[in-house]
Amino acid sequence: MNRIVTLLVTGFLAFLLLQSTMFVVDQKHYAIVFALGEVREVISEPGIHFKLPPPFQNVLSLDKRILTIDTPDADRFITAEKKNILVDAFVKWRITNPRLYYVSFNGDENRARDRLNQIIKAALNDEITKRTVREVISGERGKVMQAIVSKVVTEANQIGVGIVDVRLKRVEYVEQINNSVYERMKAERTRVANELRSTGSAESEKIRADADRQRTVILAEAFRDAEKIKGEGDAKASEIYAQAFGKNPEFYKFYRSLEAYRATFRNRGDVMVLDSGSEFFKYFRAPGGAAAPAPSKK
């Protein structure tokens, strides 16, 4: 009985000893093996590995995946023209040298993030202070990013970190400058609008003046043509009258007298006081229009 108990205890102790010497490394982590506080081995391949039991050797896991630093608040920087802008950036990074990374931060990821934030802010400040807002936002944004990445990569390599990507998410003015920029934009748009209105008004006056000129020319030409046609008609009528008068002068005189009578006695209320012996009534006195003696006065 005692022997069985001894075997069980021995087996349990052996199991605990075996368990303390075995550890598993997955594909998402590095494993650092320590011996009395010193780094003895860095394991990056996944699988089952063995070590001495504590306290002779211990194991620390480090994440080997791509990590992200995305600050919730934008940082303020001063451009070359002494304007304050807010810049919000994010960084993709990973551990490339586990031994150097552990020596730099003792395996503390928060310390590593703080250090990377400082490196990124310093790089941003160096590049933004040399450029204007326009260059940072659009003109030389590609060059700014290349310079920032170059500086960040160089310093990150010294702490065992590899930089995958650095991007600017947002670049904008601070609130006070935003108001002045909006006012300046508003004034510029107002100036352009007024200029367009002035140009439109000038074009309107030009078109109106041209239309008035064309109207005057058209009316003048129409009046000229009308007078010409009227003159031609009067000339033709005079020619016809002359021909008719030449063929039968007496009939022409009679016809003209009838027209005169019709025009004179158009209204019943018209009153004329004339001498009965007037030439105007000669066709009333004699059918042939011959002169007749005037009536005697008694």
Protein backbone atom coordinates (compact mmCIF):
# COMPACT_ATOMS: atom_id res chain seq x y z
CA MET A 1 0.00 0.00 0.00
CA ASN A 2 2.77 2.35 0.93
CA ARG A 3 4.53 1.45 -2.27
CA ILE A 4 1.47 2.36 -4.34
CA VAL A 5 1.18 5.71 -2.61
CA THR A 6 4.85 6.34 -3.19
CA LEU A 7 4.46 5.54 -6.89
CA LEU A 8 1.47 7.84 -7.20
CA VAL A 9 3.27 10.69 -5.48
CA THR A 10 6.37 10.09 -7.57
CA GLY A 11 4.31 10.04 -10.76
CA PHE A 12 2.49 13.23 -9.82
CA LEU A 13 5.75 14.97 -9.04
CA ALA A 14 7.23 13.71 -12.31
CA PHE A 15 4.16 15.06 -14.15
CA LEU A 16 4.52 18.44 -12.50
CA LEU A 17 8.22 18.47 -13.34
CA LEU A 18 7.54 17.53 -16.96
CA GLN A 19 4.81 20.14 -17.23
CA SER A 20 7.13 22.82 -15.88
CA THR A 21 9.75 21.94 -18.49
CA MET A 22 7.36 21.96 -21.49
CA PHE A 23 5.86 25.02 -23.15
CA VAL A 24 3.99 25.64 -26.41
CA VAL A 25 4.75 28.49 -28.83
CA ASP A 26 1.94 29.38 -31.27
CA GLN A 27 2.31 31.16 -34.60
CA LYS A 28 1.21 34.51 -33.14
CA HIS A 29 3.95 34.87 -30.52
CA TYR A 30 7.65 34.86 -29.86
CA ALA A 31 8.98 33.03 -26.80
CA ILE A 32 11.96 34.33 -24.80
CA VAL A 33 13.65 31.84 -22.46
CA PHE A 34 15.33 33.37 -19.40
CA ALA A 35 17.92 31.77 -17.14
CA LEU A 36 18.33 33.56 -13.85
CA GLY A 37 17.11 36.85 -15.37
CA GLU A 38 19.26 36.65 -18.53
CA VAL A 39 17.94 36.01 -22.04
CA ARG A 40 19.12 32.58 -23.11
CA GLU A 41 17.07 31.89 -26.21
CA VAL A 42 14.46 33.48 -28.52
CA ILE A 43 12.06 31.06 -30.16
CA SER A 44 10.01 32.21 -33.14
CA GLU A 45 8.96 28.85 -34.60
CA PRO A 46 5.63 27.43 -33.36
CA GLY A 47 5.56 24.04 -31.62
CA ILE A 48 6.35 22.28 -28.34
CA HIS A 49 9.62 23.23 -26.68
CA PHE A 50 11.47 22.31 -23.48
CA LYS A 51 13.30 24.26 -20.80
CA LEU A 52 14.59 23.82 -17.27
CA PRO A 53 11.97 24.07 -14.54
CA PRO A 54 11.58 27.36 -12.62
CA PRO A 55 13.41 29.09 -11.10
CA PHE A 56 16.22 27.96 -13.35
CA GLN A 57 14.49 29.04 -16.56
CA ASN A 58 11.32 31.01 -17.31
CA VAL A 59 9.45 31.87 -20.55
CA LEU A 60 7.95 35.20 -21.69
CA SER A 61 5.63 35.50 -24.74
CA LEU A 62 5.68 38.52 -27.06
CA ASP A 63 3.09 39.28 -29.73
CA LYS A 64 4.55 38.97 -33.25
CA ARG A 65 1.45 40.27 -35.09
CA ILE A 66 1.10 43.71 -36.66
CA LEU A 67 -0.05 46.16 -34.00
CA THR A 68 -1.61 49.61 -34.33
CA ILE A 69 -1.01 52.87 -32.51
CA ASP A 70 -4.02 55.12 -33.09
CA THR A 71 -4.11 58.11 -30.77
CA PRO A 72 -7.62 59.31 -29.85
CA ASP A 73 -6.61 62.99 -29.81
CA ALA A 74 -4.81 64.98 -32.49
CA ASP A 75 -1.52 66.69 -31.65
CA ARG A 76 -0.80 70.37 -32.29
CA PHE A 77 2.12 71.43 -34.50
CA ILE A 78 3.38 74.76 -35.86
CA THR A 79 4.01 75.15 -39.59
CA ALA A 80 6.66 77.22 -41.34
CA GLU A 81 4.27 80.22 -41.54
CA LYS A 82 3.69 79.99 -37.76
CA LYS A 83 0.19 78.56 -37.96
CA ASN A 84 -1.11 75.97 -35.54
CA ILE A 85 -2.55 72.81 -37.05
CA LEU A 86 -3.90 69.59 -35.59
CA VAL A 87 -2.44 66.37 -36.97
CA ASP A 88 -3.83 62.92 -36.25
CA ALA A 89 -1.71 59.94 -37.35
CA PHE A 90 -1.67 56.20 -36.93
CA VAL A 91 1.18 53.68 -37.08
CA LYS A 92 1.31 50.00 -37.96
CA TRP A 93 4.22 48.27 -36.24
CA ARG A 94 5.50 44.87 -35.16
CA ILE A 95 8.29 43.36 -33.06
CA THR A 96 11.19 42.42 -35.33
CA ASN A 97 13.96 41.87 -32.76
CA PRO A 98 12.46 40.26 -29.61
CA ARG A 99 15.76 40.30 -27.69
CA LEU A 100 16.37 44.03 -28.32
CA TYR A 101 12.70 44.79 -27.71
CA TYR A 102 12.82 43.07 -24.32
CA VAL A 103 16.02 44.83 -23.34
CA SER A 104 14.48 48.20 -24.35
CA PHE A 105 11.10 47.84 -22.63
CA ASN A 106 11.37 44.74 -20.44
CA GLY A 107 8.58 43.26 -22.56
CA ASP A 108 6.07 46.00 -21.60
CA GLU A 109 3.96 46.85 -24.65
CA ASN A 110 2.62 50.07 -23.11
CA ARG A 111 6.14 51.40 -22.69
CA ALA A 112 6.86 50.48 -26.30
CA ARG A 113 3.73 52.38 -27.46
CA ASP A 114 4.72 55.45 -25.45
CA ARG A 115 8.21 55.41 -26.95
CA LEU A 116 6.86 55.03 -30.50
CA ASN A 117 4.46 57.93 -29.90
CA GLN A 118 7.39 60.11 -28.90
CA ILE A 119 9.37 59.08 -31.99
CA ILE A 120 6.41 59.81 -34.29
CA LYS A 121 5.67 63.20 -32.72
CA ALA A 122 9.32 64.21 -33.04
CA ALA A 123 9.41 63.17 -36.70
CA LEU A 124 6.13 65.00 -37.43
CA ASN A 125 7.38 68.13 -35.71
CA ASP A 126 10.68 68.10 -37.64
CA GLU A 127 8.91 67.85 -41.01
CA ILE A 128 5.88 70.08 -40.39
CA THR A 129 7.90 73.01 -39.03
CA LYS A 130 9.77 73.13 -42.36
CA ARG A 131 6.64 73.30 -44.52
CA THR A 132 3.51 75.38 -45.01
CA VAL A 133 -0.01 74.17 -44.37
CA ARG A 134 -0.67 73.78 -48.10
CA GLU A 135 2.43 71.63 -48.51
CA VAL A 136 1.51 69.43 -45.56
CA ILE A 137 -2.09 68.95 -46.70
CA SER A 138 -1.63 68.49 -50.42
CA GLY A 139 1.44 69.97 -52.11
CA GLU A 140 4.21 67.83 -50.58
CA ARG A 141 2.24 65.34 -48.52
CA GLY A 142 3.97 62.40 -50.17
CA LYS A 143 7.41 63.83 -49.40
CA VAL A 144 6.37 64.55 -45.81
CA MET A 145 5.23 60.98 -45.31
CA GLN A 146 8.42 59.55 -46.82
CA ALA A 147 10.60 61.69 -44.55
CA ILE A 148 8.54 60.79 -41.47
CA VAL A 149 8.63 57.06 -42.26
CA SER A 150 12.39 57.20 -42.84
CA LYS A 151 13.05 58.84 -39.46
CA VAL A 152 10.61 56.61 -37.58
CA VAL A 153 11.99 53.42 -39.15
CA THR A 154 15.56 54.35 -38.28
CA GLU A 155 14.79 55.02 -34.61
CA ALA A 156 12.36 52.12 -34.27
CA ASN A 157 15.01 49.65 -35.46
CA GLN A 158 17.15 50.65 -32.49
CA ILE A 159 14.50 49.40 -30.07
CA GLY A 160 13.68 46.16 -31.91
CA VAL A 161 10.54 47.43 -33.65
CA GLY A 162 9.73 47.40 -37.36
CA ILE A 163 7.44 50.07 -38.87
CA VAL A 164 4.92 48.71 -41.37
CA ASP A 165 3.15 51.96 -42.22
CA VAL A 166 2.64 55.55 -41.03
CA ARG A 167 -0.36 57.59 -42.20
CA LEU A 168 -1.85 61.00 -41.51
CA LYS A 169 -5.56 60.59 -40.83
CA ARG A 170 -6.42 64.23 -40.36
CA VAL A 171 -4.75 67.61 -40.83
CA GLU A 172 -6.79 70.69 -39.92
CA TYR A 173 -6.55 74.12 -38.34
CA VAL A 174 -7.24 74.71 -34.69
CA GLU A 175 -10.65 76.24 -33.88
CA GLN A 176 -9.44 79.86 -33.74
CA ILE A 177 -7.71 79.62 -37.09
CA ASN A 178 -10.68 77.76 -38.59
CA ASN A 179 -12.88 80.81 -37.98
CA SER A 180 -10.42 83.17 -39.66
CA VAL A 181 -10.00 80.76 -42.57
CA TYR A 182 -13.76 80.48 -43.01
CA GLU A 183 -14.10 84.26 -42.94
CA ARG A 184 -11.32 84.63 -45.48
CA MET A 185 -12.93 82.00 -47.70
CA LYS A 186 -16.29 83.75 -47.33
CA ALA A 187 -14.75 87.10 -48.28
CA GLU A 188 -13.04 85.51 -51.27
CA ARG A 189 -16.27 83.88 -52.43
CA THR A 190 -18.12 87.19 -51.95
CA ARG A 191 -15.50 89.00 -54.01
CA VAL A 192 -15.78 86.44 -56.79
CA ALA A 193 -19.59 86.64 -56.67
CA ASN A 194 -19.51 90.45 -56.89
CA GLU A 195 -17.04 90.26 -59.74
CA LEU A 196 -19.30 87.84 -61.58
CA ARG A 197 -22.29 90.08 -60.97
CA SER A 198 -20.39 93.10 -62.30
CA THR A 199 -19.29 91.15 -65.34
CA GLY A 200 -22.84 89.94 -65.89
CA SER A 201 -24.23 93.46 -65.53
CA ALA A 202 -21.69 94.80 -68.02
CA GLU A 203 -22.52 92.03 -70.46
CA SER A 204 -26.24 92.71 -69.93
CA GLU A 205 -25.79 96.41 -70.72
CA LYS A 206 -23.69 95.53 -73.74
CA ILE A 207 -26.34 93.12 -75.05
CA ARG A 208 -29.13 95.63 -74.33
CA ALA A 209 -27.24 98.44 -76.10
CA ASP A 210 -26.58 96.17 -79.08
CA ALA A 211 -30.27 95.18 -79.19
CA ASP A 212 -31.32 98.86 -79.05
CA ARG A 213 -28.88 99.69 -81.82
CA GLN A 214 -30.18 96.85 -83.97
CA ARG A 215 -33.75 97.97 -83.26
CA THR A 216 -32.95 101.53 -84.30
CA VAL A 217 -31.21 100.31 -87.45
CA ILE A 218 -34.08 97.97 -88.33
CA LEU A 219 -36.70 100.71 -87.78
CA ALA A 220 -34.67 103.19 -89.80
CA GLU A 221 -34.23 100.73 -92.64
CA ALA A 222 -37.93 99.81 -92.50
CA PHE A 223 -38.93 103.51 -92.54
CA ARG A 224 -36.55 104.10 -95.43
CA ASP A 225 -37.94 101.16 -97.38
CA ALA A 226 -41.51 102.23 -96.55
CA GLU A 227 -40.85 105.78 -97.75
CA LYS A 228 -39.22 104.42 -100.87
CA ILE A 229 -42.16 102.15 -101.61
CA LYS A 230 -44.60 104.95 -100.79
CA GLY A 231 -42.71 107.29 -103.11
CA GLU A 232 -42.72 104.69 -105.85
CA GLY A 233 -46.47 104.19 -105.30
CA ASP A 234 -47.14 107.94 -105.39
CA ALA A 235 -45.08 108.23 -108.54
CA LYS A 236 -46.98 105.34 -110.12
CA ALA A 237 -50.30 106.84 -109.05
CA SER A 238 -49.28 110.24 -110.45
CA GLU A 239 -48.29 108.55 -113.68
CA ILE A 240 -51.66 106.80 -113.87
CA TYR A 241 -53.47 110.04 -113.05
CA ALA A 242 -51.48 111.84 -115.70
CA GLN A 243 -52.28 109.18 -118.30
CA ALA A 244 -55.96 109.25 -117.38
CA PHE A 245 -55.98 113.06 -117.38
CA GLY A 246 -54.31 113.11 -120.75
CA LYS A 247 -56.89 110.80 -122.32
CA ASN A 248 -59.99 112.64 -121.00
CA PRO A 249 -59.24 115.74 -118.99
CA GLU A 250 -62.90 116.60 -118.50
CA PHE A 251 -63.74 113.15 -117.03
CA TYR A 252 -60.74 113.40 -114.74
CA LYS A 253 -61.95 116.76 -113.45
CA PHE A 254 -65.46 115.34 -112.96
CA TYR A 255 -64.10 112.29 -111.04
CA ARG A 256 -61.94 114.45 -108.79
CA SER A 257 -64.92 116.72 -108.11
CA LEU A 258 -67.01 113.70 -107.06
CA GLU A 259 -64.28 112.63 -104.68
CA ALA A 260 -64.22 116.15 -103.26
CA TYR A 261 -68.03 116.12 -102.82
CA ARG A 262 -67.83 112.71 -101.08
CA ALA A 263 -65.14 113.90 -98.69
CA THR A 264 -66.93 117.20 -98.03
CA PHE A 265 -70.42 115.86 -97.37
CA ARG A 266 -69.40 112.75 -95.45
CA ASN A 267 -71.37 113.73 -92.33
CA ARG A 268 -74.91 115.03 -92.28
CA GLY A 269 -74.09 117.67 -89.73
CA ASP A 270 -71.33 119.28 -91.81
CA VAL A 271 -72.10 122.89 -92.78
CA MET A 272 -70.27 124.94 -95.45
CA VAL A 273 -70.98 128.53 -96.41
CA LEU A 274 -69.97 129.11 -100.06
CA ASP A 275 -71.04 131.35 -102.90
CA SER A 276 -73.47 129.53 -105.19
CA GLY A 277 -71.46 130.71 -108.16
CA SER A 278 -68.30 129.10 -106.83
CA GLU A 279 -66.26 126.84 -109.07
CA PHE A 280 -66.79 124.11 -106.48
CA PHE A 281 -70.48 123.67 -107.52
CA LYS A 282 -70.07 123.87 -111.25
CA TYR A 283 -71.11 120.21 -111.77
CA PHE A 284 -74.25 120.86 -109.71
CA ARG A 285 -75.23 123.73 -111.98
CA ALA A 286 -74.67 121.98 -115.34
CA PRO A 287 -74.32 118.27 -116.08
CA GLY A 288 -71.44 118.87 -118.45
CA GLY A 289 -69.68 121.10 -116.02
CA ALA A 290 -70.11 124.19 -118.22
CA ALA A 291 -70.31 127.49 -116.49
CA ALA A 292 -73.90 128.58 -115.83
CA PRO A 293 -75.07 132.02 -114.96
CA ALA A 294 -75.36 132.74 -111.33
CA PRO A 295 -78.86 133.35 -110.00
CA SER A 296 -80.00 136.97 -110.05
CA LYS A 297 -80.28 138.83 -106.82
CA LYS A 298 -83.52 140.61 -106.21
